[in-house]
Amino acid sequence: VQLQASGGGLVQPGGSLRLSCSVSGFTLEDHGIGWFRQAPGKEREAVSCITSNEGNTYYGESVKGRFTISKDNAKNTVYLQMNSLKPEDTAVYYCARDIWNCPYDYSGNYYYTSAALDAWGQGTLVTVSS
């Protein structure tokens, strides 16, 4: 089981980036995939998740309306389209296999729990700065 995140870089505020998470050793039809981020000195934060068969999507409150998660099962790849980026979006972004298939809270927001995640990619740095 492997996940590889890519696509990070430097972007100006208001700009866009698309991250990719390529997986191997399992199929996207069998497992949900979550995106997380961690900024220096801050806790890891849930960003978004897409479920296995149905492809239902969930987001963290801070990225709703700006980020969009999608996947291509044939390419074994999950994407995170990030628009209207803000300096506070600066972080290392990770993708992970979610064996709970995208748990969400009472507000419908995706949340981070380590027990749900059994494999991680290596992370890709996103820096939003002018």
C-alpha atoms as a PDB file:
ATOM      1  CA  VAL A   1       0.000   0.000   0.000  1.00  0.00           C
ATOM      2  CA  GLN A   2       1.450   3.313  -1.074  1.00  0.00           C
ATOM      3  CA  LEU A   3       0.193   6.866  -1.462  1.00  0.00           C
ATOM      4  CA  GLN A   4       2.133   9.683  -3.089  1.00  0.00           C
ATOM      5  CA  ALA A   5       1.080  13.299  -2.834  1.00  0.00           C
ATOM      6  CA  SER A   6       2.300  15.866  -5.334  1.00  0.00           C
ATOM      7  CA  GLY A   7       1.505  19.259  -6.812  1.00  0.00           C
ATOM      8  CA  GLY A   8       2.471  21.614  -4.021  1.00  0.00           C
ATOM      9  CA  GLY A   9       4.324  24.843  -4.584  1.00  0.00           C
ATOM     10  CA  LEU A  10       4.350  28.585  -4.100  1.00  0.00           C
ATOM     11  CA  VAL A  11       1.248  30.534  -5.090  1.00  0.00           C
ATOM     12  CA  GLN A  12       0.031  34.058  -4.509  1.00  0.00           C
ATOM     13  CA  PRO A  13      -3.023  34.775  -2.381  1.00  0.00           C
ATOM     14  CA  GLY A  14      -6.147  34.278  -4.443  1.00  0.00           C
ATOM     15  CA  GLY A  15      -4.422  31.773  -6.686  1.00  0.00           C
ATOM     16  CA  SER A  16      -5.067  28.095  -7.320  1.00  0.00           C
ATOM     17  CA  LEU A  17      -3.252  24.787  -7.092  1.00  0.00           C
ATOM     18  CA  ARG A  18      -4.232  21.204  -7.764  1.00  0.00           C
ATOM     19  CA  LEU A  19      -2.787  18.460  -5.627  1.00  0.00           C
ATOM     20  CA  SER A  20      -2.706  14.819  -6.660  1.00  0.00           C
ATOM     21  CA  CYS A  21      -2.595  11.667  -4.577  1.00  0.00           C
ATOM     22  CA  SER A  22      -1.567   8.588  -6.531  1.00  0.00           C
ATOM     23  CA  VAL A  23      -2.243   5.278  -4.821  1.00  0.00           C
ATOM     24  CA  SER A  24      -1.070   1.713  -5.346  1.00  0.00           C
ATOM     25  CA  GLY A  25      -1.663  -1.606  -3.645  1.00  0.00           C
ATOM     26  CA  PHE A  26      -5.417  -1.026  -3.319  1.00  0.00           C
ATOM     27  CA  THR A  27      -8.264   0.491  -5.307  1.00  0.00           C
ATOM     28  CA  LEU A  28     -10.190   3.691  -4.781  1.00  0.00           C
ATOM     29  CA  GLU A  29     -13.439   1.723  -5.062  1.00  0.00           C
ATOM     30  CA  ASP A  30     -12.577  -0.032  -1.798  1.00  0.00           C
ATOM     31  CA  HIS A  31     -11.334   2.811   0.381  1.00  0.00           C
ATOM     32  CA  GLY A  32     -11.938   6.466   1.072  1.00  0.00           C
ATOM     33  CA  ILE A  33      -9.090   8.935   0.722  1.00  0.00           C
ATOM     34  CA  GLY A  34      -8.615  11.945   2.943  1.00  0.00           C
ATOM     35  CA  TRP A  35      -6.527  15.068   2.637  1.00  0.00           C
ATOM     36  CA  PHE A  36      -4.991  16.675   5.700  1.00  0.00           C
ATOM     37  CA  ARG A  37      -2.671  19.554   6.349  1.00  0.00           C
ATOM     38  CA  GLN A  38      -0.328  20.637   9.059  1.00  0.00           C
ATOM     39  CA  ALA A  39       1.203  24.065   9.452  1.00  0.00           C
ATOM     40  CA  PRO A  40       4.260  24.691  11.642  1.00  0.00           C
ATOM     41  CA  GLY A  41       3.301  24.728  15.295  1.00  0.00           C
ATOM     42  CA  LYS A  42      -0.286  23.706  14.600  1.00  0.00           C
ATOM     43  CA  GLU A  43      -2.247  20.504  14.884  1.00  0.00           C
ATOM     44  CA  ARG A  44      -3.031  18.357  11.886  1.00  0.00           C
ATOM     45  CA  GLU A  45      -6.291  19.442  10.281  1.00  0.00           C
ATOM     46  CA  ALA A  46      -8.756  17.531   8.140  1.00  0.00           C
ATOM     47  CA  VAL A  47      -9.205  19.159   4.746  1.00  0.00           C
ATOM     48  CA  SER A  48     -11.362  16.875   2.626  1.00  0.00           C
ATOM     49  CA  CYS A  49     -12.340  13.285   1.966  1.00  0.00           C
ATOM     50  CA  ILE A  50     -13.928  11.262  -0.814  1.00  0.00           C
ATOM     51  CA  THR A  51     -15.650   7.970  -0.157  1.00  0.00           C
ATOM     52  CA  SER A  52     -15.024   4.684  -1.912  1.00  0.00           C
ATOM     53  CA  ASN A  53     -17.926   3.466  -4.041  1.00  0.00           C
ATOM     54  CA  GLU A  54     -20.266   6.476  -3.996  1.00  0.00           C
ATOM     55  CA  GLY A  55     -17.626   9.168  -4.246  1.00  0.00           C
ATOM     56  CA  ASN A  56     -19.365  11.314  -1.643  1.00  0.00           C
ATOM     57  CA  THR A  57     -17.302  14.321  -0.616  1.00  0.00           C
ATOM     58  CA  TYR A  58     -16.740  16.021   2.711  1.00  0.00           C
ATOM     59  CA  TYR A  59     -14.758  19.075   3.718  1.00  0.00           C
ATOM     60  CA  GLY A  60     -13.326  20.831   6.711  1.00  0.00           C
ATOM     61  CA  GLU A  61     -15.077  24.047   7.653  1.00  0.00           C
ATOM     62  CA  SER A  62     -12.129  26.260   6.746  1.00  0.00           C
ATOM     63  CA  VAL A  63     -11.984  25.117   3.103  1.00  0.00           C
ATOM     64  CA  LYS A  64     -15.644  24.727   2.213  1.00  0.00           C
ATOM     65  CA  GLY A  65     -16.539  26.524  -0.983  1.00  0.00           C
ATOM     66  CA  ARG A  66     -12.887  26.931  -2.016  1.00  0.00           C
ATOM     67  CA  PHE A  67     -11.524  23.386  -2.307  1.00  0.00           C
ATOM     68  CA  THR A  68     -12.913  20.517  -4.367  1.00  0.00           C
ATOM     69  CA  ILE A  69     -11.952  16.870  -4.066  1.00  0.00           C
ATOM     70  CA  SER A  70     -12.394  14.409  -6.916  1.00  0.00           C
ATOM     71  CA  LYS A  71     -10.982  11.132  -8.121  1.00  0.00           C
ATOM     72  CA  ASP A  72     -10.227   9.097 -11.212  1.00  0.00           C
ATOM     73  CA  ASN A  73     -10.585   5.424 -10.317  1.00  0.00           C
ATOM     74  CA  ALA A  74      -8.967   4.292 -13.562  1.00  0.00           C
ATOM     75  CA  LYS A  75      -5.864   6.347 -12.783  1.00  0.00           C
ATOM     76  CA  ASN A  76      -5.878   5.452  -9.074  1.00  0.00           C
ATOM     77  CA  THR A  77      -5.582   9.146  -8.321  1.00  0.00           C
ATOM     78  CA  VAL A  78      -7.404  11.574  -6.062  1.00  0.00           C
ATOM     79  CA  TYR A  79      -7.249  15.304  -6.719  1.00  0.00           C
ATOM     80  CA  LEU A  80      -7.643  18.336  -4.506  1.00  0.00           C
ATOM     81  CA  GLN A  81      -8.416  21.508  -6.420  1.00  0.00           C
ATOM     82  CA  MET A  82      -7.638  24.494  -4.241  1.00  0.00           C
ATOM     83  CA  ASN A  83      -8.986  27.891  -5.273  1.00  0.00           C
ATOM     84  CA  SER A  84      -8.994  31.313  -3.634  1.00  0.00           C
ATOM     85  CA  LEU A  85      -5.971  30.358  -1.605  1.00  0.00           C
ATOM     86  CA  LYS A  86      -5.140  32.321   1.516  1.00  0.00           C
ATOM     87  CA  PRO A  87      -1.895  32.664   3.464  1.00  0.00           C
ATOM     88  CA  GLU A  88      -3.470  30.578   6.221  1.00  0.00           C
ATOM     89  CA  ASP A  89      -3.706  27.662   3.784  1.00  0.00           C
ATOM     90  CA  THR A  90       0.088  27.389   3.927  1.00  0.00           C
ATOM     91  CA  ALA A  91       0.950  23.924   5.227  1.00  0.00           C
ATOM     92  CA  VAL A  92       2.248  20.513   4.319  1.00  0.00           C
ATOM     93  CA  TYR A  93      -0.610  18.595   2.742  1.00  0.00           C
ATOM     94  CA  TYR A  94      -0.915  14.843   3.148  1.00  0.00           C
ATOM     95  CA  CYS A  95      -3.222  12.240   1.697  1.00  0.00           C
ATOM     96  CA  ALA A  96      -4.155   9.119   3.611  1.00  0.00           C
ATOM     97  CA  ARG A  97      -6.260   6.015   3.257  1.00  0.00           C
ATOM     98  CA  ASP A  98      -9.375   6.344   5.391  1.00  0.00           C
ATOM     99  CA  ILE A  99     -10.617   2.947   6.498  1.00  0.00           C
ATOM    100  CA  TRP A 100     -13.669   4.559   8.129  1.00  0.00           C
ATOM    101  CA  ASN A 101     -14.641   5.918   4.696  1.00  0.00           C
ATOM    102  CA  CYS A 102     -14.746   9.604   5.610  1.00  0.00           C
ATOM    103  CA  PRO A 103     -16.253  10.130   9.057  1.00  0.00           C
ATOM    104  CA  TYR A 104     -18.021  13.447   9.530  1.00  0.00           C
ATOM    105  CA  ASP A 105     -19.397  15.401  12.468  1.00  0.00           C
ATOM    106  CA  TYR A 106     -22.924  16.655  13.141  1.00  0.00           C
ATOM    107  CA  SER A 107     -22.256  19.661  10.869  1.00  0.00           C
ATOM    108  CA  GLY A 108     -21.267  17.427   7.972  1.00  0.00           C
ATOM    109  CA  ASN A 109     -17.620  18.374   8.249  1.00  0.00           C
ATOM    110  CA  TYR A 110     -14.870  15.849   7.745  1.00  0.00           C
ATOM    111  CA  TYR A 111     -12.746  15.426  10.831  1.00  0.00           C
ATOM    112  CA  TYR A 112      -9.372  13.990  11.678  1.00  0.00           C
ATOM    113  CA  THR A 113      -9.022  10.871  13.775  1.00  0.00           C
ATOM    114  CA  SER A 114      -5.834   8.874  13.583  1.00  0.00           C
ATOM    115  CA  ALA A 115      -7.656   5.588  14.158  1.00  0.00           C
ATOM    116  CA  ALA A 116      -9.351   5.929  10.763  1.00  0.00           C
ATOM    117  CA  LEU A 117      -6.127   6.349   8.774  1.00  0.00           C
ATOM    118  CA  ASP A 118      -3.862   3.388   8.114  1.00  0.00           C
ATOM    119  CA  ALA A 119      -1.545   4.591   5.355  1.00  0.00           C
ATOM    120  CA  TRP A 120      -0.106   8.016   4.538  1.00  0.00           C
ATOM    121  CA  GLY A 121       1.610   9.732   1.660  1.00  0.00           C
ATOM    122  CA  GLN A 122       4.785  11.715   2.202  1.00  0.00           C
ATOM    123  CA  GLY A 123       3.298  15.221   2.076  1.00  0.00           C
ATOM    124  CA  THR A 124       3.621  18.133  -0.304  1.00  0.00           C
ATOM    125  CA  LEU A 125       4.286  21.718   0.752  1.00  0.00           C
ATOM    126  CA  VAL A 126       1.875  24.476  -0.221  1.00  0.00           C
ATOM    127  CA  THR A 127       2.995  28.035   0.410  1.00  0.00           C
ATOM    128  CA  VAL A 128       0.613  30.921  -0.154  1.00  0.00           C
ATOM    129  CA  SER A 129       2.488  34.183  -0.124  1.00  0.00           C
ATOM    130  CA  SER A 130       2.938  37.350  -2.125  1.00  0.00           C
END
